Amino acid sequence: MTEQIMDMARSLGHVDGGQEEALEALCRAAQAELAGRLRPEDCEDAFILACAWLALAGLAAGETGGGRFTAGEVTIQEGDGAARAAALRLQAETVLGPWLADRGFAFQGVPG
């Protein structure tokens, strides 16, 4: 399944040839993380997609806030890697929403 996740990640995001080893490790980590929270066979297509987004989030987290280009009054600035990583992680959680039983739940004791 890791190869399917890697193929999906390559199709969703820009992955340089030098990032292949890191991408594979991140795909395996994403697969392990999500398999600990749900059964992949219950939602295989969504699972692969979510794992790919988590792997891309890991790659994005390592990016530095980069280039900035100004032409006249227009400025284009590349986004921050941490913000992109958070958005990709949220997308992964959203696609698996129907299968994640623990999403948004917090248990607190009640004094009494």
PDB file of N, CA and C in Angstrom:
ATOM      1  N   MET A   1       0.820  -1.194   0.000  1.00  0.00           N
ATOM      2  CA  MET A   1       0.000   0.000   0.000  1.00  0.00           C
ATOM      3  C   MET A   1       0.866   1.261   0.000  1.00  0.00           C
ATOM      4  N   THR A   2       2.083   1.147   0.516  1.00  0.00           N
ATOM      5  CA  THR A   2       2.966   2.311   0.564  1.00  0.00           C
ATOM      6  C   THR A   2       3.229   2.857  -0.833  1.00  0.00           C
ATOM      7  N   GLU A   3       3.382   1.975  -1.805  1.00  0.00           N
ATOM      8  CA  GLU A   3       3.639   2.421  -3.176  1.00  0.00           C
ATOM      9  C   GLU A   3       2.447   3.187  -3.732  1.00  0.00           C
ATOM     10  N   GLN A   4       1.230   2.745  -3.407  1.00  0.00           N
ATOM     11  CA  GLN A   4       0.028   3.467  -3.842  1.00  0.00           C
ATOM     12  C   GLN A   4      -0.020   4.853  -3.209  1.00  0.00           C
ATOM     13  N   ILE A   5       0.360   4.928  -1.945  1.00  0.00           N
ATOM     14  CA  ILE A   5       0.369   6.220  -1.247  1.00  0.00           C
ATOM     15  C   ILE A   5       1.409   7.135  -1.876  1.00  0.00           C
ATOM     16  N   MET A   6       2.585   6.593  -2.184  1.00  0.00           N
ATOM     17  CA  MET A   6       3.632   7.404  -2.816  1.00  0.00           C
ATOM     18  C   MET A   6       3.188   7.904  -4.190  1.00  0.00           C
ATOM     19  N   ASP A   7       2.548   7.048  -4.977  1.00  0.00           N
ATOM     20  CA  ASP A   7       2.058   7.463  -6.291  1.00  0.00           C
ATOM     21  C   ASP A   7       1.035   8.591  -6.160  1.00  0.00           C
ATOM     22  N   MET A   8       0.149   8.463  -5.174  1.00  0.00           N
ATOM     23  CA  MET A   8      -0.854   9.502  -4.953  1.00  0.00           C
ATOM     24  C   MET A   8      -0.182  10.813  -4.528  1.00  0.00           C
ATOM     25  N   ALA A   9       0.794  10.736  -3.643  1.00  0.00           N
ATOM     26  CA  ALA A   9       1.498  11.941  -3.189  1.00  0.00           C
ATOM     27  C   ALA A   9       2.206  12.625  -4.357  1.00  0.00           C
ATOM     28  N   ARG A  10       2.826  11.832  -5.224  1.00  0.00           N
ATOM     29  CA  ARG A  10       3.492  12.400  -6.400  1.00  0.00           C
ATOM     30  C   ARG A  10       2.493  13.102  -7.316  1.00  0.00           C
ATOM     31  N   SER A  11       1.290  12.550  -7.439  1.00  0.00           N
ATOM     32  CA  SER A  11       0.305  13.159  -8.325  1.00  0.00           C
ATOM     33  C   SER A  11      -0.342  14.401  -7.712  1.00  0.00           C
ATOM     34  N   LEU A  12      -0.384  14.479  -6.383  1.00  0.00           N
ATOM     35  CA  LEU A  12      -1.004  15.624  -5.716  1.00  0.00           C
ATOM     36  C   LEU A  12      -0.065  16.808  -5.525  1.00  0.00           C
ATOM     37  N   GLY A  13       1.209  16.532  -5.339  1.00  0.00           N
ATOM     38  CA  GLY A  13       2.135  17.608  -5.019  1.00  0.00           C
ATOM     39  C   GLY A  13       3.411  17.521  -5.819  1.00  0.00           C
ATOM     40  N   HIS A  14       4.182  18.567  -5.754  1.00  0.00           N
ATOM     41  CA  HIS A  14       5.464  18.606  -6.447  1.00  0.00           C
ATOM     42  C   HIS A  14       6.502  17.924  -5.563  1.00  0.00           C
ATOM     43  N   VAL A  15       7.044  16.815  -6.051  1.00  0.00           N
ATOM     44  CA  VAL A  15       8.044  16.064  -5.305  1.00  0.00           C
ATOM     45  C   VAL A  15       9.297  15.980  -6.162  1.00  0.00           C
ATOM     46  N   ASP A  16      10.392  16.576  -5.690  1.00  0.00           N
ATOM     47  CA  ASP A  16      11.659  16.526  -6.407  1.00  0.00           C
ATOM     48  C   ASP A  16      12.257  15.135  -6.314  1.00  0.00           C
ATOM     49  N   GLY A  17      13.089  14.795  -7.277  1.00  0.00           N
ATOM     50  CA  GLY A  17      13.750  13.496  -7.274  1.00  0.00           C
ATOM     51  C   GLY A  17      14.561  13.250  -6.020  1.00  0.00           C
ATOM     52  N   GLY A  18      15.126  14.292  -5.452  1.00  0.00           N
ATOM     53  CA  GLY A  18      15.921  14.163  -4.237  1.00  0.00           C
ATOM     54  C   GLY A  18      15.092  13.939  -2.985  1.00  0.00           C
ATOM     55  N   GLN A  19      13.778  14.053  -3.106  1.00  0.00           N
ATOM     56  CA  GLN A  19      12.898  13.892  -1.954  1.00  0.00           C
ATOM     57  C   GLN A  19      12.263  12.507  -1.885  1.00  0.00           C
ATOM     58  N   GLU A  20      12.602  11.618  -2.811  1.00  0.00           N
ATOM     59  CA  GLU A  20      11.962  10.306  -2.878  1.00  0.00           C
ATOM     60  C   GLU A  20      12.154   9.494  -1.594  1.00  0.00           C
ATOM     61  N   GLU A  21      13.364   9.493  -1.065  1.00  0.00           N
ATOM     62  CA  GLU A  21      13.630   8.716   0.152  1.00  0.00           C
ATOM     63  C   GLU A  21      12.831   9.268   1.331  1.00  0.00           C
ATOM     64  N   ALA A  22      12.810  10.591   1.444  1.00  0.00           N
ATOM     65  CA  ALA A  22      12.036  11.221   2.515  1.00  0.00           C
ATOM     66  C   ALA A  22      10.545  10.960   2.320  1.00  0.00           C
ATOM     67  N   LEU A  23      10.090  11.019   1.069  1.00  0.00           N
ATOM     68  CA  LEU A  23       8.680  10.775   0.792  1.00  0.00           C
ATOM     69  C   LEU A  23       8.276   9.360   1.198  1.00  0.00           C
ATOM     70  N   GLU A  24       9.120   8.391   0.902  1.00  0.00           N
ATOM     71  CA  GLU A  24       8.793   7.016   1.276  1.00  0.00           C
ATOM     72  C   GLU A  24       8.691   6.863   2.791  1.00  0.00           C
ATOM     73  N   ALA A  25       9.640   7.453   3.512  1.00  0.00           N
ATOM     74  CA  ALA A  25       9.602   7.388   4.976  1.00  0.00           C
ATOM     75  C   ALA A  25       8.357   8.082   5.520  1.00  0.00           C
ATOM     76  N   LEU A  26       8.002   9.227   4.950  1.00  0.00           N
ATOM     77  CA  LEU A  26       6.821   9.959   5.399  1.00  0.00           C
ATOM     78  C   LEU A  26       5.533   9.209   5.062  1.00  0.00           C
ATOM     79  N   CYS A  27       5.501   8.520   3.929  1.00  0.00           N
ATOM     80  CA  CYS A  27       4.329   7.716   3.571  1.00  0.00           C
ATOM     81  C   CYS A  27       4.149   6.563   4.549  1.00  0.00           C
ATOM     82  N   ARG A  28       5.252   5.923   4.918  1.00  0.00           N
ATOM     83  CA  ARG A  28       5.173   4.827   5.888  1.00  0.00           C
ATOM     84  C   ARG A  28       4.710   5.344   7.258  1.00  0.00           C
ATOM     85  N   ALA A  29       5.221   6.493   7.649  1.00  0.00           N
ATOM     86  CA  ALA A  29       4.827   7.075   8.936  1.00  0.00           C
ATOM     87  C   ALA A  29       3.351   7.469   8.931  1.00  0.00           C
ATOM     88  N   ALA A  30       2.889   8.054   7.829  1.00  0.00           N
ATOM     89  CA  ALA A  30       1.474   8.432   7.724  1.00  0.00           C
ATOM     90  C   ALA A  30       0.585   7.203   7.769  1.00  0.00           C
ATOM     91  N   GLN A  31       1.009   6.164   7.078  1.00  0.00           N
ATOM     92  CA  GLN A  31       0.250   4.920   7.070  1.00  0.00           C
ATOM     93  C   GLN A  31       0.149   4.338   8.479  1.00  0.00           C
ATOM     94  N   ALA A  32       1.242   4.348   9.205  1.00  0.00           N
ATOM     95  CA  ALA A  32       1.233   3.824  10.575  1.00  0.00           C
ATOM     96  C   ALA A  32       0.366   4.687  11.487  1.00  0.00           C
ATOM     97  N   GLU A  33       0.473   6.007  11.336  1.00  0.00           N
ATOM     98  CA  GLU A  33      -0.315   6.913  12.176  1.00  0.00           C
ATOM     99  C   GLU A  33      -1.811   6.696  11.988  1.00  0.00           C
ATOM    100  N   LEU A  34      -2.235   6.644  10.735  1.00  0.00           N
ATOM    101  CA  LEU A  34      -3.670   6.511  10.475  1.00  0.00           C
ATOM    102  C   LEU A  34      -4.179   5.099  10.723  1.00  0.00           C
ATOM    103  N   ALA A  35      -3.342   4.102  10.499  1.00  0.00           N
ATOM    104  CA  ALA A  35      -3.760   2.719  10.775  1.00  0.00           C
ATOM    105  C   ALA A  35      -3.974   2.510  12.270  1.00  0.00           C
ATOM    106  N   GLY A  36      -3.336   3.332  13.095  1.00  0.00           N
ATOM    107  CA  GLY A  36      -3.554   3.268  14.532  1.00  0.00           C
ATOM    108  C   GLY A  36      -4.875   3.874  14.958  1.00  0.00           C
ATOM    109  N   ARG A  37      -5.500   4.621  14.067  1.00  0.00           N
ATOM    110  CA  ARG A  37      -6.749   5.296  14.394  1.00  0.00           C
ATOM    111  C   ARG A  37      -7.971   4.688  13.715  1.00  0.00           C
ATOM    112  N   LEU A  38      -7.767   3.916  12.652  1.00  0.00           N
ATOM    113  CA  LEU A  38      -8.881   3.309  11.945  1.00  0.00           C
ATOM    114  C   LEU A  38      -8.395   2.099  11.157  1.00  0.00           C
ATOM    115  N   ARG A  39      -9.331   1.367  10.590  1.00  0.00           N
ATOM    116  CA  ARG A  39      -8.982   0.191   9.799  1.00  0.00           C
ATOM    117  C   ARG A  39      -8.921   0.598   8.334  1.00  0.00           C
ATOM    118  N   PRO A  40      -7.736   0.514   7.712  1.00  0.00           N
ATOM    119  CA  PRO A  40      -7.586   0.950   6.322  1.00  0.00           C
ATOM    120  C   PRO A  40      -8.527   0.249   5.351  1.00  0.00           C
ATOM    121  N   GLU A  41      -8.866  -1.003   5.613  1.00  0.00           N
ATOM    122  CA  GLU A  41      -9.732  -1.732   4.692  1.00  0.00           C
ATOM    123  C   GLU A  41     -11.165  -1.188   4.679  1.00  0.00           C
ATOM    124  N   ASP A  42     -11.547  -0.437   5.694  1.00  0.00           N
ATOM    125  CA  ASP A  42     -12.887   0.149   5.742  1.00  0.00           C
ATOM    126  C   ASP A  42     -13.031   1.346   4.798  1.00  0.00           C
ATOM    127  N   CYS A  43     -11.902   1.967   4.466  1.00  0.00           N
ATOM    128  CA  CYS A  43     -11.951   3.205   3.675  1.00  0.00           C
ATOM    129  C   CYS A  43     -10.696   3.331   2.808  1.00  0.00           C
ATOM    130  N   GLU A  44     -10.380   2.298   2.059  1.00  0.00           N
ATOM    131  CA  GLU A  44      -9.087   2.205   1.381  1.00  0.00           C
ATOM    132  C   GLU A  44      -8.745   3.410   0.509  1.00  0.00           C
ATOM    133  N   ASP A  45      -9.653   3.854  -0.350  1.00  0.00           N
ATOM    134  CA  ASP A  45      -9.346   4.979  -1.230  1.00  0.00           C
ATOM    135  C   ASP A  45      -9.094   6.265  -0.435  1.00  0.00           C
ATOM    136  N   ALA A  46      -9.962   6.539   0.526  1.00  0.00           N
ATOM    137  CA  ALA A  46      -9.789   7.728   1.363  1.00  0.00           C
ATOM    138  C   ALA A  46      -8.523   7.607   2.219  1.00  0.00           C
ATOM    139  N   PHE A  47      -8.215   6.403   2.663  1.00  0.00           N
ATOM    140  CA  PHE A  47      -7.015   6.159   3.469  1.00  0.00           C
ATOM    141  C   PHE A  47      -5.762   6.486   2.672  1.00  0.00           C
ATOM    142  N   ILE A  48      -5.697   6.020   1.437  1.00  0.00           N
ATOM    143  CA  ILE A  48      -4.535   6.294   0.582  1.00  0.00           C
ATOM    144  C   ILE A  48      -4.397   7.791   0.342  1.00  0.00           C
ATOM    145  N   LEU A  49      -5.497   8.455   0.051  1.00  0.00           N
ATOM    146  CA  LEU A  49      -5.488   9.894  -0.184  1.00  0.00           C
ATOM    147  C   LEU A  49      -5.036  10.652   1.057  1.00  0.00           C
ATOM    148  N   ALA A  50      -5.573  10.290   2.201  1.00  0.00           N
ATOM    149  CA  ALA A  50      -5.212  10.973   3.445  1.00  0.00           C
ATOM    150  C   ALA A  50      -3.742  10.743   3.793  1.00  0.00           C
ATOM    151  N   CYS A  51      -3.255   9.541   3.612  1.00  0.00           N
ATOM    152  CA  CYS A  51      -1.839   9.259   3.876  1.00  0.00           C
ATOM    153  C   CYS A  51      -0.940  10.077   2.958  1.00  0.00           C
ATOM    154  N   ALA A  52      -1.342  10.215   1.699  1.00  0.00           N
ATOM    155  CA  ALA A  52      -0.557  11.022   0.756  1.00  0.00           C
ATOM    156  C   ALA A  52      -0.507  12.475   1.215  1.00  0.00           C
ATOM    157  N   TRP A  53      -1.635  13.004   1.668  1.00  0.00           N
ATOM    158  CA  TRP A  53      -1.645  14.385   2.151  1.00  0.00           C
ATOM    159  C   TRP A  53      -0.802  14.543   3.410  1.00  0.00           C
ATOM    160  N   LEU A  54      -0.839  13.569   4.292  1.00  0.00           N
ATOM    161  CA  LEU A  54       0.004  13.641   5.489  1.00  0.00           C
ATOM    162  C   LEU A  54       1.488  13.601   5.118  1.00  0.00           C
ATOM    163  N   ALA A  55       1.840  12.763   4.149  1.00  0.00           N
ATOM    164  CA  ALA A  55       3.233  12.706   3.708  1.00  0.00           C
ATOM    165  C   ALA A  55       3.659  14.032   3.093  1.00  0.00           C
ATOM    166  N   LEU A  56       2.798  14.623   2.277  1.00  0.00           N
ATOM    167  CA  LEU A  56       3.116  15.931   1.692  1.00  0.00           C
ATOM    168  C   LEU A  56       3.199  17.010   2.768  1.00  0.00           C
ATOM    169  N   ALA A  57       2.390  16.873   3.817  1.00  0.00           N
ATOM    170  CA  ALA A  57       2.468  17.810   4.944  1.00  0.00           C
ATOM    171  C   ALA A  57       3.844  17.717   5.603  1.00  0.00           C
ATOM    172  N   GLY A  58       4.349  16.499   5.736  1.00  0.00           N
ATOM    173  CA  GLY A  58       5.684  16.317   6.295  1.00  0.00           C
ATOM    174  C   GLY A  58       6.756  16.958   5.438  1.00  0.00           C
ATOM    175  N   LEU A  59       6.636  16.828   4.124  1.00  0.00           N
ATOM    176  CA  LEU A  59       7.592  17.489   3.234  1.00  0.00           C
ATOM    177  C   LEU A  59       7.480  19.004   3.340  1.00  0.00           C
ATOM    178  N   ALA A  60       6.250  19.501   3.390  1.00  0.00           N
ATOM    179  CA  ALA A  60       6.033  20.950   3.468  1.00  0.00           C
ATOM    180  C   ALA A  60       6.561  21.529   4.772  1.00  0.00           C
ATOM    181  N   ALA A  61       6.472  20.758   5.840  1.00  0.00           N
ATOM    182  CA  ALA A  61       6.928  21.256   7.142  1.00  0.00           C
ATOM    183  C   ALA A  61       8.425  21.541   7.129  1.00  0.00           C
ATOM    184  N   GLY A  62       9.155  20.859   6.271  1.00  0.00           N
ATOM    185  CA  GLY A  62      10.595  21.077   6.175  1.00  0.00           C
ATOM    186  C   GLY A  62      10.990  22.240   5.282  1.00  0.00           C
ATOM    187  N   GLU A  63      10.026  22.811   4.573  1.00  0.00           N
ATOM    188  CA  GLU A  63      10.318  23.935   3.685  1.00  0.00           C
ATOM    189  C   GLU A  63      10.474  25.220   4.491  1.00  0.00           C
ATOM    190  N   THR A  64      11.353  26.070   4.019  1.00  0.00           N
ATOM    191  CA  THR A  64      11.483  27.378   4.649  1.00  0.00           C
ATOM    192  C   THR A  64      10.630  28.362   3.877  1.00  0.00           C
ATOM    193  N   GLY A  65      10.095  29.343   4.565  1.00  0.00           N
ATOM    194  CA  GLY A  65       9.325  30.389   3.903  1.00  0.00           C
ATOM    195  C   GLY A  65      10.235  31.067   2.900  1.00  0.00           C
ATOM    196  N   GLY A  66       9.922  30.952   1.665  1.00  0.00           N
ATOM    197  CA  GLY A  66      10.914  31.224   0.642  1.00  0.00           C
ATOM    198  C   GLY A  66      10.777  32.508  -0.105  1.00  0.00           C
ATOM    199  N   GLY A  67      10.647  32.355  -1.398  1.00  0.00           N
ATOM    200  CA  GLY A  67      10.823  33.452  -2.328  1.00  0.00           C
ATOM    201  C   GLY A  67       9.794  34.559  -2.237  1.00  0.00           C
ATOM    202  N   ARG A  68      10.270  35.707  -2.633  1.00  0.00           N
ATOM    203  CA  ARG A  68       9.407  36.871  -2.690  1.00  0.00           C
ATOM    204  C   ARG A  68       9.758  37.622  -3.960  1.00  0.00           C
ATOM    205  N   PHE A  69       8.743  38.007  -4.710  1.00  0.00           N
ATOM    206  CA  PHE A  69       8.951  38.673  -5.983  1.00  0.00           C
ATOM    207  C   PHE A  69       8.033  39.880  -6.048  1.00  0.00           C
ATOM    208  N   THR A  70       8.587  41.036  -6.384  1.00  0.00           N
ATOM    209  CA  THR A  70       7.794  42.254  -6.490  1.00  0.00           C
ATOM    210  C   THR A  70       7.950  42.840  -7.883  1.00  0.00           C
ATOM    211  N   ALA A  71       6.825  43.181  -8.479  1.00  0.00           N
ATOM    212  CA  ALA A  71       6.821  43.846  -9.785  1.00  0.00           C
ATOM    213  C   ALA A  71       5.842  45.014  -9.685  1.00  0.00           C
ATOM    214  N   GLY A  72       6.375  46.193  -9.601  1.00  0.00           N
ATOM    215  CA  GLY A  72       5.510  47.360  -9.430  1.00  0.00           C
ATOM    216  C   GLY A  72       4.840  47.325  -8.076  1.00  0.00           C
ATOM    217  N   GLU A  73       3.522  47.342  -8.063  1.00  0.00           N
ATOM    218  CA  GLU A  73       2.770  47.317  -6.816  1.00  0.00           C
ATOM    219  C   GLU A  73       2.306  45.924  -6.424  1.00  0.00           C
ATOM    220  N   VAL A  74       2.676  44.916  -7.197  1.00  0.00           N
ATOM    221  CA  VAL A  74       2.245  43.549  -6.938  1.00  0.00           C
ATOM    222  C   VAL A  74       3.401  42.757  -6.327  1.00  0.00           C
ATOM    223  N   THR A  75       3.140  42.123  -5.189  1.00  0.00           N
ATOM    224  CA  THR A  75       4.134  41.284  -4.533  1.00  0.00           C
ATOM    225  C   THR A  75       3.587  39.874  -4.419  1.00  0.00           C
ATOM    226  N   ILE A  76       4.388  38.925  -4.843  1.00  0.00           N
ATOM    227  CA  ILE A  76       4.029  37.518  -4.719  1.00  0.00           C
ATOM    228  C   ILE A  76       5.031  36.893  -3.774  1.00  0.00           C
ATOM    229  N   GLN A  77       4.527  36.287  -2.714  1.00  0.00           N
ATOM    230  CA  GLN A  77       5.386  35.671  -1.716  1.00  0.00           C
ATOM    231  C   GLN A  77       4.997  34.218  -1.536  1.00  0.00           C
ATOM    232  N   GLU A  78       6.010  33.352  -1.557  1.00  0.00           N
ATOM    233  CA  GLU A  78       5.765  31.930  -1.357  1.00  0.00           C
ATOM    234  C   GLU A  78       5.319  31.703   0.073  1.00  0.00           C
ATOM    235  N   GLY A  79       4.355  30.814   0.245  1.00  0.00           N
ATOM    236  CA  GLY A  79       3.792  30.554   1.566  1.00  0.00           C
ATOM    237  C   GLY A  79       4.756  29.880   2.515  1.00  0.00           C
ATOM    238  N   ASP A  80       4.449  29.970   3.759  1.00  0.00           N
ATOM    239  CA  ASP A  80       5.224  29.362   4.829  1.00  0.00           C
ATOM    240  C   ASP A  80       4.989  27.856   4.830  1.00  0.00           C
ATOM    241  N   GLY A  81       6.049  27.070   4.962  1.00  0.00           N
ATOM    242  CA  GLY A  81       5.947  25.614   4.967  1.00  0.00           C
ATOM    243  C   GLY A  81       5.073  25.096   6.093  1.00  0.00           C
ATOM    244  N   ALA A  82       5.155  25.716   7.263  1.00  0.00           N
ATOM    245  CA  ALA A  82       4.363  25.257   8.414  1.00  0.00           C
ATOM    246  C   ALA A  82       2.866  25.466   8.167  1.00  0.00           C
ATOM    247  N   ALA A  83       2.507  26.577   7.561  1.00  0.00           N
ATOM    248  CA  ALA A  83       1.093  26.839   7.273  1.00  0.00           C
ATOM    249  C   ALA A  83       0.575  25.862   6.224  1.00  0.00           C
ATOM    250  N   ARG A  84       1.392  25.582   5.220  1.00  0.00           N
ATOM    251  CA  ARG A  84       0.988  24.618   4.188  1.00  0.00           C
ATOM    252  C   ARG A  84       0.853  23.223   4.791  1.00  0.00           C
ATOM    253  N   ALA A  85       1.774  22.865   5.671  1.00  0.00           N
ATOM    254  CA  ALA A  85       1.716  21.555   6.327  1.00  0.00           C
ATOM    255  C   ALA A  85       0.442  21.418   7.150  1.00  0.00           C
ATOM    256  N   ALA A  86       0.067  22.455   7.868  1.00  0.00           N
ATOM    257  CA  ALA A  86      -1.149  22.420   8.680  1.00  0.00           C
ATOM    258  C   ALA A  86      -2.389  22.276   7.800  1.00  0.00           C
ATOM    259  N   ALA A  87      -2.393  22.967   6.659  1.00  0.00           N
ATOM    260  CA  ALA A  87      -3.528  22.871   5.747  1.00  0.00           C
ATOM    261  C   ALA A  87      -3.641  21.464   5.147  1.00  0.00           C
ATOM    262  N   LEU A  88      -2.518  20.865   4.789  1.00  0.00           N
ATOM    263  CA  LEU A  88      -2.536  19.509   4.240  1.00  0.00           C
ATOM    264  C   LEU A  88      -2.978  18.490   5.284  1.00  0.00           C
ATOM    265  N   ARG A  89      -2.529  18.667   6.514  1.00  0.00           N
ATOM    266  CA  ARG A  89      -2.942  17.763   7.594  1.00  0.00           C
ATOM    267  C   ARG A  89      -4.450  17.886   7.841  1.00  0.00           C
ATOM    268  N   LEU A  90      -4.966  19.089   7.824  1.00  0.00           N
ATOM    269  CA  LEU A  90      -6.403  19.301   7.987  1.00  0.00           C
ATOM    270  C   LEU A  90      -7.179  18.625   6.850  1.00  0.00           C
ATOM    271  N   GLN A  91      -6.661  18.717   5.639  1.00  0.00           N
ATOM    272  CA  GLN A  91      -7.317  18.078   4.498  1.00  0.00           C
ATOM    273  C   GLN A  91      -7.370  16.563   4.692  1.00  0.00           C
ATOM    274  N   ALA A  92      -6.289  15.980   5.184  1.00  0.00           N
ATOM    275  CA  ALA A  92      -6.256  14.538   5.446  1.00  0.00           C
ATOM    276  C   ALA A  92      -7.291  14.153   6.509  1.00  0.00           C
ATOM    277  N   GLU A  93      -7.360  14.927   7.580  1.00  0.00           N
ATOM    278  CA  GLU A  93      -8.340  14.661   8.641  1.00  0.00           C
ATOM    279  C   GLU A  93      -9.770  14.803   8.121  1.00  0.00           C
ATOM    280  N   THR A  94      -9.976  15.769   7.244  1.00  0.00           N
ATOM    281  CA  THR A  94     -11.316  16.015   6.712  1.00  0.00           C
ATOM    282  C   THR A  94     -11.791  14.862   5.838  1.00  0.00           C
ATOM    283  N   VAL A  95     -10.915  14.368   4.977  1.00  0.00           N
ATOM    284  CA  VAL A  95     -11.319  13.287   4.081  1.00  0.00           C
ATOM    285  C   VAL A  95     -11.624  12.008   4.860  1.00  0.00           C
ATOM    286  N   LEU A  96     -11.005  11.833   6.010  1.00  0.00           N
ATOM    287  CA  LEU A  96     -11.254  10.646   6.828  1.00  0.00           C
ATOM    288  C   LEU A  96     -12.298  10.885   7.917  1.00  0.00           C
ATOM    289  N   GLY A  97     -12.892  12.062   7.928  1.00  0.00           N
ATOM    290  CA  GLY A  97     -13.872  12.424   8.944  1.00  0.00           C
ATOM    291  C   GLY A  97     -14.913  11.368   9.262  1.00  0.00           C
ATOM    292  N   PRO A  98     -15.548  10.774   8.259  1.00  0.00           N
ATOM    293  CA  PRO A  98     -16.582   9.773   8.555  1.00  0.00           C
ATOM    294  C   PRO A  98     -16.066   8.535   9.279  1.00  0.00           C
ATOM    295  N   TRP A  99     -14.770   8.261   9.188  1.00  0.00           N
ATOM    296  CA  TRP A  99     -14.224   7.046   9.787  1.00  0.00           C
ATOM    297  C   TRP A  99     -13.453   7.294  11.086  1.00  0.00           C
ATOM    298  N   LEU A 100     -13.172   8.536  11.392  1.00  0.00           N
ATOM    299  CA  LEU A 100     -12.399   8.846  12.601  1.00  0.00           C
ATOM    300  C   LEU A 100     -13.338   9.086  13.770  1.00  0.00           C
ATOM    301  N   ALA A 101     -13.430   8.135  14.639  1.00  0.00           N
ATOM    302  CA  ALA A 101     -14.339   8.228  15.770  1.00  0.00           C
ATOM    303  C   ALA A 101     -13.868   9.228  16.811  1.00  0.00           C
ATOM    304  N   ASP A 102     -12.568   9.469  16.902  1.00  0.00           N
ATOM    305  CA  ASP A 102     -12.038  10.314  17.968  1.00  0.00           C
ATOM    306  C   ASP A 102     -11.831  11.765  17.551  1.00  0.00           C
ATOM    307  N   ARG A 103     -12.307  12.156  16.420  1.00  0.00           N
ATOM    308  CA  ARG A 103     -12.079  13.509  15.936  1.00  0.00           C
ATOM    309  C   ARG A 103     -12.896  14.517  16.737  1.00  0.00           C
ATOM    310  N   GLY A 104     -12.224  15.509  17.273  1.00  0.00           N
ATOM    311  CA  GLY A 104     -12.889  16.582  17.984  1.00  0.00           C
ATOM    312  C   GLY A 104     -13.444  16.207  19.354  1.00  0.00           C
ATOM    313  N   PHE A 105     -13.044  15.084  19.900  1.00  0.00           N
ATOM    314  CA  PHE A 105     -13.557  14.640  21.186  1.00  0.00           C
ATOM    315  C   PHE A 105     -12.518  14.902  22.268  1.00  0.00           C
ATOM    316  N   ALA A 106     -12.964  15.422  23.369  1.00  0.00           N
ATOM    317  CA  ALA A 106     -12.079  15.619  24.517  1.00  0.00           C
ATOM    318  C   ALA A 106     -12.841  15.192  25.762  1.00  0.00           C
ATOM    319  N   PHE A 107     -12.207  14.397  26.611  1.00  0.00           N
ATOM    320  CA  PHE A 107     -12.839  13.941  27.839  1.00  0.00           C
ATOM    321  C   PHE A 107     -12.277  14.762  28.986  1.00  0.00           C
ATOM    322  N   GLN A 108     -13.146  15.321  29.763  1.00  0.00           N
ATOM    323  CA  GLN A 108     -12.732  16.101  30.931  1.00  0.00           C
ATOM    324  C   GLN A 108     -13.509  15.610  32.140  1.00  0.00           C
ATOM    325  N   GLY A 109     -12.815  15.604  33.252  1.00  0.00           N
ATOM    326  CA  GLY A 109     -13.488  15.215  34.490  1.00  0.00           C
ATOM    327  C   GLY A 109     -14.401  16.331  34.974  1.00  0.00           C
ATOM    328  N   VAL A 110     -15.424  15.953  35.704  1.00  0.00           N
ATOM    329  CA  VAL A 110     -16.373  16.921  36.239  1.00  0.00           C
ATOM    330  C   VAL A 110     -16.250  16.893  37.766  1.00  0.00           C
ATOM    331  N   PRO A 111     -15.923  18.035  38.368  1.00  0.00           N
ATOM    332  CA  PRO A 111     -15.819  18.043  39.830  1.00  0.00           C
ATOM    333  C   PRO A 111     -17.184  17.768  40.462  1.00  0.00           C
ATOM    334  N   GLY A 112     -17.137  16.994  41.493  1.00  0.00           N
ATOM    335  CA  GLY A 112     -18.447  16.784  42.069  1.00  0.00           C
ATOM    336  C   GLY A 112     -18.426  15.980  43.258  1.00  0.00           C
TER     337      GLY A 112
END
